[in-house]
PDB file of N, CA and C in Angstrom:
ATOM      1  N   UNK A   1       1.259 -10.885 -17.036  1.00  0.00           N
ATOM      2  CA  UNK A   1      -0.125 -10.805 -16.610  1.00  0.00           C
ATOM      3  C   UNK A   1      -0.175 -10.246 -15.187  1.00  0.00           C
ATOM      4  N   UNK A   2      -1.084  -9.346 -14.928  1.00  0.00           N
ATOM      5  CA  UNK A   2      -1.247  -8.751 -13.606  1.00  0.00           C
ATOM      6  C   UNK A   2      -2.454  -9.387 -12.944  1.00  0.00           C
ATOM      7  N   UNK A   3      -2.263  -9.902 -11.752  1.00  0.00           N
ATOM      8  CA  UNK A   3      -3.360 -10.514 -11.008  1.00  0.00           C
ATOM      9  C   UNK A   3      -4.014  -9.451 -10.133  1.00  0.00           C
ATOM     10  N   UNK A   4      -5.330  -9.414 -10.172  1.00  0.00           N
ATOM     11  CA  UNK A   4      -6.066  -8.445  -9.361  1.00  0.00           C
ATOM     12  C   UNK A   4      -6.136  -8.925  -7.918  1.00  0.00           C
ATOM     13  N   UNK A   5      -5.994  -8.000  -7.001  1.00  0.00           N
ATOM     14  CA  UNK A   5      -6.110  -8.283  -5.572  1.00  0.00           C
ATOM     15  C   UNK A   5      -7.397  -7.643  -5.095  1.00  0.00           C
ATOM     16  N   UNK A   6      -8.276  -8.404  -4.432  1.00  0.00           N
ATOM     17  CA  UNK A   6      -9.499  -7.788  -3.934  1.00  0.00           C
ATOM     18  C   UNK A   6      -9.160  -6.655  -2.959  1.00  0.00           C
ATOM     19  N   UNK A   7      -9.826  -5.530  -3.113  1.00  0.00           N
ATOM     20  CA  UNK A   7      -9.566  -4.382  -2.245  1.00  0.00           C
ATOM     21  C   UNK A   7     -10.081  -4.710  -0.856  1.00  0.00           C
ATOM     22  N   UNK A   8      -9.267  -4.409   0.121  1.00  0.00           N
ATOM     23  CA  UNK A   8      -9.675  -4.679   1.489  1.00  0.00           C
ATOM     24  C   UNK A   8      -9.107  -3.630   2.423  1.00  0.00           C
ATOM     25  N   UNK A   9      -9.822  -3.410   3.513  1.00  0.00           N
ATOM     26  CA  UNK A   9      -9.294  -2.547   4.560  1.00  0.00           C
ATOM     27  C   UNK A   9      -8.261  -3.372   5.303  1.00  0.00           C
ATOM     28  N   UNK A  10      -7.091  -2.805   5.492  1.00  0.00           N
ATOM     29  CA  UNK A  10      -5.982  -3.495   6.148  1.00  0.00           C
ATOM     30  C   UNK A  10      -6.305  -3.616   7.630  1.00  0.00           C
ATOM     31  N   UNK A  11      -6.355  -4.821   8.141  1.00  0.00           N
ATOM     32  CA  UNK A  11      -6.730  -5.063   9.537  1.00  0.00           C
ATOM     33  C   UNK A  11      -5.536  -4.908  10.476  1.00  0.00           C
ATOM     34  N   UNK A  12      -5.772  -4.353  11.636  1.00  0.00           N
ATOM     35  CA  UNK A  12      -4.764  -4.282  12.680  1.00  0.00           C
ATOM     36  C   UNK A  12      -3.771  -3.139  12.557  1.00  0.00           C
ATOM     37  N   UNK A  13      -3.985  -2.258  11.599  1.00  0.00           N
ATOM     38  CA  UNK A  13      -3.053  -1.139  11.428  1.00  0.00           C
ATOM     39  C   UNK A  13      -3.828   0.074  10.922  1.00  0.00           C
ATOM     40  N   UNK A  14      -3.522   1.224  11.460  1.00  0.00           N
ATOM     41  CA  UNK A  14      -4.178   2.473  11.077  1.00  0.00           C
ATOM     42  C   UNK A  14      -3.149   3.415  10.470  1.00  0.00           C
ATOM     43  N   UNK A  15      -3.633   4.441   9.799  1.00  0.00           N
ATOM     44  CA  UNK A  15      -2.764   5.453   9.201  1.00  0.00           C
ATOM     45  C   UNK A  15      -1.946   6.130  10.299  1.00  0.00           C
ATOM     46  N   UNK A  16      -0.617   6.185  10.128  1.00  0.00           N
ATOM     47  CA  UNK A  16       0.222   6.849  11.136  1.00  0.00           C
ATOM     48  C   UNK A  16      -0.055   8.350  11.264  1.00  0.00           C
ATOM     49  N   UNK A  17      -0.644   8.948  10.225  1.00  0.00           N
ATOM     50  CA  UNK A  17      -0.873  10.395  10.244  1.00  0.00           C
ATOM     51  C   UNK A  17      -2.217  10.792  10.839  1.00  0.00           C
ATOM     52  N   UNK A  18      -3.306  10.080  10.463  1.00  0.00           N
ATOM     53  CA  UNK A  18      -4.635  10.522  10.896  1.00  0.00           C
ATOM     54  C   UNK A  18      -5.439   9.434  11.608  1.00  0.00           C
ATOM     55  N   UNK A  19      -4.892   8.238  11.748  1.00  0.00           N
ATOM     56  CA  UNK A  19      -5.553   7.107  12.397  1.00  0.00           C
ATOM     57  C   UNK A  19      -6.740   6.575  11.588  1.00  0.00           C
ATOM     58  N   UNK A  20      -6.777   6.892  10.274  1.00  0.00           N
ATOM     59  CA  UNK A  20      -7.837   6.390   9.401  1.00  0.00           C
ATOM     60  C   UNK A  20      -7.545   4.966   8.934  1.00  0.00           C
ATOM     61  N   UNK A  21      -8.552   4.345   8.299  1.00  0.00           N
ATOM     62  CA  UNK A  21      -8.393   2.996   7.753  1.00  0.00           C
ATOM     63  C   UNK A  21      -7.457   3.012   6.555  1.00  0.00           C
ATOM     64  N   UNK A  22      -6.643   1.985   6.449  1.00  0.00           N
ATOM     65  CA  UNK A  22      -5.743   1.821   5.302  1.00  0.00           C
ATOM     66  C   UNK A  22      -6.321   0.780   4.368  1.00  0.00           C
ATOM     67  N   UNK A  23      -6.243   1.047   3.054  1.00  0.00           N
ATOM     68  CA  UNK A  23      -6.717   0.101   2.047  1.00  0.00           C
ATOM     69  C   UNK A  23      -5.521  -0.427   1.261  1.00  0.00           C
ATOM     70  N   UNK A  24      -5.462  -1.739   1.102  1.00  0.00           N
ATOM     71  CA  UNK A  24      -4.390  -2.360   0.343  1.00  0.00           C
ATOM     72  C   UNK A  24      -4.547  -1.997  -1.126  1.00  0.00           C
ATOM     73  N   UNK A  25      -3.507  -1.418  -1.720  1.00  0.00           N
ATOM     74  CA  UNK A  25      -3.552  -0.992  -3.125  1.00  0.00           C
ATOM     75  C   UNK A  25      -2.926  -2.024  -4.058  1.00  0.00           C
ATOM     76  N   UNK A  26      -2.535  -3.178  -3.552  1.00  0.00           N
ATOM     77  CA  UNK A  26      -1.968  -4.226  -4.384  1.00  0.00           C
ATOM     78  C   UNK A  26      -0.590  -4.634  -3.916  1.00  0.00           C
ATOM     79  N   UNK A  27       0.083  -5.388  -4.757  1.00  0.00           N
ATOM     80  CA  UNK A  27       1.458  -5.811  -4.502  1.00  0.00           C
ATOM     81  C   UNK A  27       2.273  -5.437  -5.721  1.00  0.00           C
ATOM     82  N   UNK A  28       3.425  -4.805  -5.523  1.00  0.00           N
ATOM     83  CA  UNK A  28       4.259  -4.354  -6.624  1.00  0.00           C
ATOM     84  C   UNK A  28       5.645  -4.966  -6.492  1.00  0.00           C
ATOM     85  N   UNK A  29       6.038  -5.752  -7.486  1.00  0.00           N
ATOM     86  CA  UNK A  29       7.346  -6.393  -7.466  1.00  0.00           C
ATOM     87  C   UNK A  29       8.418  -5.354  -7.760  1.00  0.00           C
ATOM     88  N   UNK A  30       9.388  -5.256  -6.862  1.00  0.00           N
ATOM     89  CA  UNK A  30      10.454  -4.256  -6.963  1.00  0.00           C
ATOM     90  C   UNK A  30      11.797  -4.901  -6.649  1.00  0.00           C
ATOM     91  N   UNK A  31      12.853  -4.212  -7.028  1.00  0.00           N
ATOM     92  CA  UNK A  31      14.198  -4.635  -6.658  1.00  0.00           C
ATOM     93  C   UNK A  31      14.599  -3.867  -5.404  1.00  0.00           C
ATOM     94  N   UNK A  32      14.849  -4.601  -4.319  1.00  0.00           N
ATOM     95  CA  UNK A  32      15.274  -3.969  -3.073  1.00  0.00           C
ATOM     96  C   UNK A  32      16.785  -3.745  -3.151  1.00  0.00           C
ATOM     97  N   UNK A  33      17.210  -2.502  -3.056  1.00  0.00           N
ATOM     98  CA  UNK A  33      18.613  -2.145  -3.220  1.00  0.00           C
ATOM     99  C   UNK A  33      19.505  -2.725  -2.113  1.00  0.00           C
ATOM    100  N   UNK A  34      18.987  -2.865  -0.905  1.00  0.00           N
ATOM    101  CA  UNK A  34      19.784  -3.348   0.221  1.00  0.00           C
ATOM    102  C   UNK A  34      20.408  -4.717  -0.028  1.00  0.00           C
ATOM    103  N   UNK A  35      19.608  -5.640  -0.576  1.00  0.00           N
ATOM    104  CA  UNK A  35      20.091  -7.013  -0.743  1.00  0.00           C
ATOM    105  C   UNK A  35      19.952  -7.534  -2.174  1.00  0.00           C
ATOM    106  N   UNK A  36      19.564  -6.659  -3.102  1.00  0.00           N
ATOM    107  CA  UNK A  36      19.434  -7.005  -4.526  1.00  0.00           C
ATOM    108  C   UNK A  36      18.423  -8.134  -4.760  1.00  0.00           C
ATOM    109  N   UNK A  37      17.379  -8.229  -3.923  1.00  0.00           N
ATOM    110  CA  UNK A  37      16.329  -9.234  -4.088  1.00  0.00           C
ATOM    111  C   UNK A  37      15.101  -8.595  -4.703  1.00  0.00           C
ATOM    112  N   UNK A  38      14.384  -9.390  -5.486  1.00  0.00           N
ATOM    113  CA  UNK A  38      13.085  -8.951  -6.005  1.00  0.00           C
ATOM    114  C   UNK A  38      12.032  -9.303  -4.963  1.00  0.00           C
ATOM    115  N   UNK A  39      11.394  -8.265  -4.441  1.00  0.00           N
ATOM    116  CA  UNK A  39      10.436  -8.436  -3.354  1.00  0.00           C
ATOM    117  C   UNK A  39       9.252  -7.509  -3.606  1.00  0.00           C
ATOM    118  N   UNK A  40       8.075  -7.918  -3.152  1.00  0.00           N
ATOM    119  CA  UNK A  40       6.881  -7.086  -3.318  1.00  0.00           C
ATOM    120  C   UNK A  40       6.827  -5.976  -2.273  1.00  0.00           C
ATOM    121  N   UNK A  41       6.372  -4.804  -2.723  1.00  0.00           N
ATOM    122  CA  UNK A  41       6.024  -3.698  -1.830  1.00  0.00           C
ATOM    123  C   UNK A  41       4.507  -3.751  -1.669  1.00  0.00           C
ATOM    124  N   UNK A  42       4.022  -3.399  -0.492  1.00  0.00           N
ATOM    125  CA  UNK A  42       2.581  -3.362  -0.251  1.00  0.00           C
ATOM    126  C   UNK A  42       2.166  -1.926   0.065  1.00  0.00           C
ATOM    127  N   UNK A  43       1.725  -1.190  -0.948  1.00  0.00           N
ATOM    128  CA  UNK A  43       1.244   0.175  -0.682  1.00  0.00           C
ATOM    129  C   UNK A  43      -0.129   0.149  -0.022  1.00  0.00           C
ATOM    130  N   UNK A  44      -0.282   0.958   1.011  1.00  0.00           N
ATOM    131  CA  UNK A  44      -1.532   1.081   1.752  1.00  0.00           C
ATOM    132  C   UNK A  44      -1.974   2.536   1.671  1.00  0.00           C
ATOM    133  N   UNK A  45      -3.207   2.750   1.213  1.00  0.00           N
ATOM    134  CA  UNK A  45      -3.713   4.103   0.985  1.00  0.00           C
ATOM    135  C   UNK A  45      -4.748   4.448   2.043  1.00  0.00           C
ATOM    136  N   UNK A  46      -4.654   5.650   2.587  1.00  0.00           N
ATOM    137  CA  UNK A  46      -5.627   6.163   3.544  1.00  0.00           C
ATOM    138  C   UNK A  46      -6.518   7.176   2.822  1.00  0.00           C
ATOM    139  N   UNK A  47      -7.786   6.839   2.671  1.00  0.00           N
ATOM    140  CA  UNK A  47      -8.716   7.741   1.990  1.00  0.00           C
ATOM    141  C   UNK A  47      -8.991   8.994   2.825  1.00  0.00           C
ATOM    142  N   UNK A  48      -8.872   8.893   4.131  1.00  0.00           N
ATOM    143  CA  UNK A  48      -9.168  10.035   5.008  1.00  0.00           C
ATOM    144  C   UNK A  48      -8.209  11.199   4.786  1.00  0.00           C
ATOM    145  N   UNK A  49      -6.912  10.908   4.698  1.00  0.00           N
ATOM    146  CA  UNK A  49      -5.938  11.993   4.539  1.00  0.00           C
ATOM    147  C   UNK A  49      -5.208  11.927   3.187  1.00  0.00           C
ATOM    148  N   UNK A  50      -5.580  10.970   2.336  1.00  0.00           N
ATOM    149  CA  UNK A  50      -5.017  10.820   0.985  1.00  0.00           C
ATOM    150  C   UNK A  50      -3.504  10.608   1.001  1.00  0.00           C
ATOM    151  N   UNK A  51      -3.010   9.865   1.984  1.00  0.00           N
ATOM    152  CA  UNK A  51      -1.586   9.533   2.063  1.00  0.00           C
ATOM    153  C   UNK A  51      -1.390   8.074   1.701  1.00  0.00           C
ATOM    154  N   UNK A  52      -0.226   7.761   1.164  1.00  0.00           N
ATOM    155  CA  UNK A  52       0.134   6.386   0.840  1.00  0.00           C
ATOM    156  C   UNK A  52       1.339   5.993   1.683  1.00  0.00           C
ATOM    157  N   UNK A  53       1.255   4.821   2.261  1.00  0.00           N
ATOM    158  CA  UNK A  53       2.322   4.255   3.086  1.00  0.00           C
ATOM    159  C   UNK A  53       2.650   2.888   2.503  1.00  0.00           C
ATOM    160  N   UNK A  54       3.863   2.414   2.682  1.00  0.00           N
ATOM    161  CA  UNK A  54       4.190   1.083   2.191  1.00  0.00           C
ATOM    162  C   UNK A  54       5.308   0.461   3.017  1.00  0.00           C
ATOM    163  N   UNK A  55       5.486  -0.826   2.786  1.00  0.00           N
ATOM    164  CA  UNK A  55       6.588  -1.580   3.399  1.00  0.00           C
ATOM    165  C   UNK A  55       6.864  -2.777   2.505  1.00  0.00           C
ATOM    166  N   UNK A  56       7.992  -3.428   2.760  1.00  0.00           N
ATOM    167  CA  UNK A  56       8.317  -4.651   2.045  1.00  0.00           C
ATOM    168  C   UNK A  56       7.401  -5.755   2.547  1.00  0.00           C
ATOM    169  N   UNK A  57       6.884  -6.571   1.635  1.00  0.00           N
ATOM    170  CA  UNK A  57       5.922  -7.613   1.990  1.00  0.00           C
ATOM    171  C   UNK A  57       6.531  -8.696   2.874  1.00  0.00           C
ATOM    172  N   UNK A  58       7.834  -8.889   2.805  1.00  0.00           N
ATOM    173  CA  UNK A  58       8.466  -9.947   3.593  1.00  0.00           C
ATOM    174  C   UNK A  58       9.015  -9.462   4.935  1.00  0.00           C
ATOM    175  N   UNK A  59       8.734  -8.212   5.289  1.00  0.00           N
ATOM    176  CA  UNK A  59       9.208  -7.651   6.562  1.00  0.00           C
ATOM    177  C   UNK A  59       8.076  -6.899   7.239  1.00  0.00           C
ATOM    178  N   UNK A  60       8.102  -6.863   8.543  1.00  0.00           N
ATOM    179  CA  UNK A  60       7.085  -6.096   9.268  1.00  0.00           C
ATOM    180  C   UNK A  60       7.720  -4.831   9.851  1.00  0.00           C
ATOM    181  N   UNK A  61       8.433  -4.100   8.986  1.00  0.00           N
ATOM    182  CA  UNK A  61       9.040  -2.832   9.368  1.00  0.00           C
ATOM    183  C   UNK A  61       7.947  -1.774   9.524  1.00  0.00           C
ATOM    184  N   UNK A  62       8.260  -0.664  10.178  1.00  0.00           N
ATOM    185  CA  UNK A  62       7.284   0.441  10.243  1.00  0.00           C
ATOM    186  C   UNK A  62       6.938   0.930   8.835  1.00  0.00           C
ATOM    187  N   UNK A  63       5.725   1.447   8.694  1.00  0.00           N
ATOM    188  CA  UNK A  63       5.295   1.987   7.401  1.00  0.00           C
ATOM    189  C   UNK A  63       6.142   3.185   7.022  1.00  0.00           C
ATOM    190  N   UNK A  64       6.436   3.305   5.716  1.00  0.00           N
ATOM    191  CA  UNK A  64       7.199   4.432   5.188  1.00  0.00           C
ATOM    192  C   UNK A  64       6.311   5.231   4.248  1.00  0.00           C
ATOM    193  N   UNK A  65       6.460   6.553   4.206  1.00  0.00           N
ATOM    194  CA  UNK A  65       5.702   7.342   3.224  1.00  0.00           C
ATOM    195  C   UNK A  65       6.067   6.899   1.807  1.00  0.00           C
ATOM    196  N   UNK A  66       5.085   6.907   0.923  1.00  0.00           N
ATOM    197  CA  UNK A  66       5.303   6.467  -0.456  1.00  0.00           C
ATOM    198  C   UNK A  66       4.736   7.502  -1.423  1.00  0.00           C
ATOM    199  N   UNK A  67       4.894   7.238  -2.712  1.00  0.00           N
ATOM    200  CA  UNK A  67       4.400   8.129  -3.762  1.00  0.00           C
ATOM    201  C   UNK A  67       2.867   8.141  -3.780  1.00  0.00           C
ATOM    202  N   UNK A  68       2.242   9.248  -4.179  1.00  0.00           N
ATOM    203  CA  UNK A  68       0.783   9.301  -4.283  1.00  0.00           C
ATOM    204  C   UNK A  68       0.261   8.293  -5.311  1.00  0.00           C
ATOM    205  N   UNK A  69      -0.975   7.836  -5.092  1.00  0.00           N
ATOM    206  CA  UNK A  69      -1.609   6.918  -6.044  1.00  0.00           C
ATOM    207  C   UNK A  69      -2.253   7.716  -7.172  1.00  0.00           C
ATOM    208  N   UNK A  70      -2.302   7.145  -8.381  1.00  0.00           N
ATOM    209  CA  UNK A  70      -3.036   7.802  -9.475  1.00  0.00           C
ATOM    210  C   UNK A  70      -4.527   7.893  -9.141  1.00  0.00           C
ATOM    211  N   UNK A  71      -5.166   8.942  -9.609  1.00  0.00           N
ATOM    212  CA  UNK A  71      -6.581   9.181  -9.312  1.00  0.00           C
ATOM    213  C   UNK A  71      -7.470   8.008  -9.720  1.00  0.00           C
ATOM    214  N   UNK A  72      -7.196   7.387 -10.859  1.00  0.00           N
ATOM    215  CA  UNK A  72      -7.998   6.258 -11.322  1.00  0.00           C
ATOM    216  C   UNK A  72      -7.944   5.077 -10.360  1.00  0.00           C
ATOM    217  N   UNK A  73      -6.776   4.826  -9.804  1.00  0.00           N
ATOM    218  CA  UNK A  73      -6.648   3.729  -8.838  1.00  0.00           C
ATOM    219  C   UNK A  73      -7.376   4.064  -7.548  1.00  0.00           C
ATOM    220  N   UNK A  74      -7.320   5.307  -7.115  1.00  0.00           N
ATOM    221  CA  UNK A  74      -8.056   5.707  -5.901  1.00  0.00           C
ATOM    222  C   UNK A  74      -9.551   5.481  -6.086  1.00  0.00           C
ATOM    223  N   UNK A  75     -10.076   5.884  -7.253  1.00  0.00           N
ATOM    224  CA  UNK A  75     -11.516   5.693  -7.506  1.00  0.00           C
ATOM    225  C   UNK A  75     -11.885   4.227  -7.463  1.00  0.00           C
ATOM    226  N   UNK A  76     -11.040   3.367  -8.038  1.00  0.00           N
ATOM    227  CA  UNK A  76     -11.358   1.935  -8.043  1.00  0.00           C
ATOM    228  C   UNK A  76     -11.292   1.359  -6.633  1.00  0.00           C
ATOM    229  N   UNK A  77     -10.416   1.868  -5.778  1.00  0.00           N
ATOM    230  CA  UNK A  77     -10.352   1.399  -4.396  1.00  0.00           C
ATOM    231  C   UNK A  77     -11.577   1.833  -3.601  1.00  0.00           C
ATOM    232  N   UNK A  78     -12.127   2.992  -3.901  1.00  0.00           N
ATOM    233  CA  UNK A  78     -13.293   3.486  -3.193  1.00  0.00           C
ATOM    234  C   UNK A  78     -14.577   2.827  -3.672  1.00  0.00           C
ATOM    235  N   UNK A  79     -14.605   2.380  -4.923  1.00  0.00           N
ATOM    236  CA  UNK A  79     -15.822   1.785  -5.485  1.00  0.00           C
ATOM    237  C   UNK A  79     -16.085   0.386  -4.998  1.00  0.00           C
ATOM    238  N   UNK A  80     -15.112  -0.257  -4.375  1.00  0.00           N
ATOM    239  CA  UNK A  80     -15.312  -1.651  -3.957  1.00  0.00           C
ATOM    240  C   UNK A  80     -15.476  -1.773  -2.479  1.00  0.00           C
TER     241      UNK A  80
END
């Protein structure tokens, strides 16, 4: 079962590329290769420049570029 996360503008952090607002696109459980742990990634989407950034949910590392979001997910993030 997938739990929905209310769409929100990410507070305290701006897009590294254009300084636009970042929107949380959810939490995605992944296997981190460094330590073989299952950890959530937090993709953050900037509607201004259409870039996606992410980081591991359990670390406050700098944002890393990520894969583009599907168009349907972008529309749902903008509608809320």
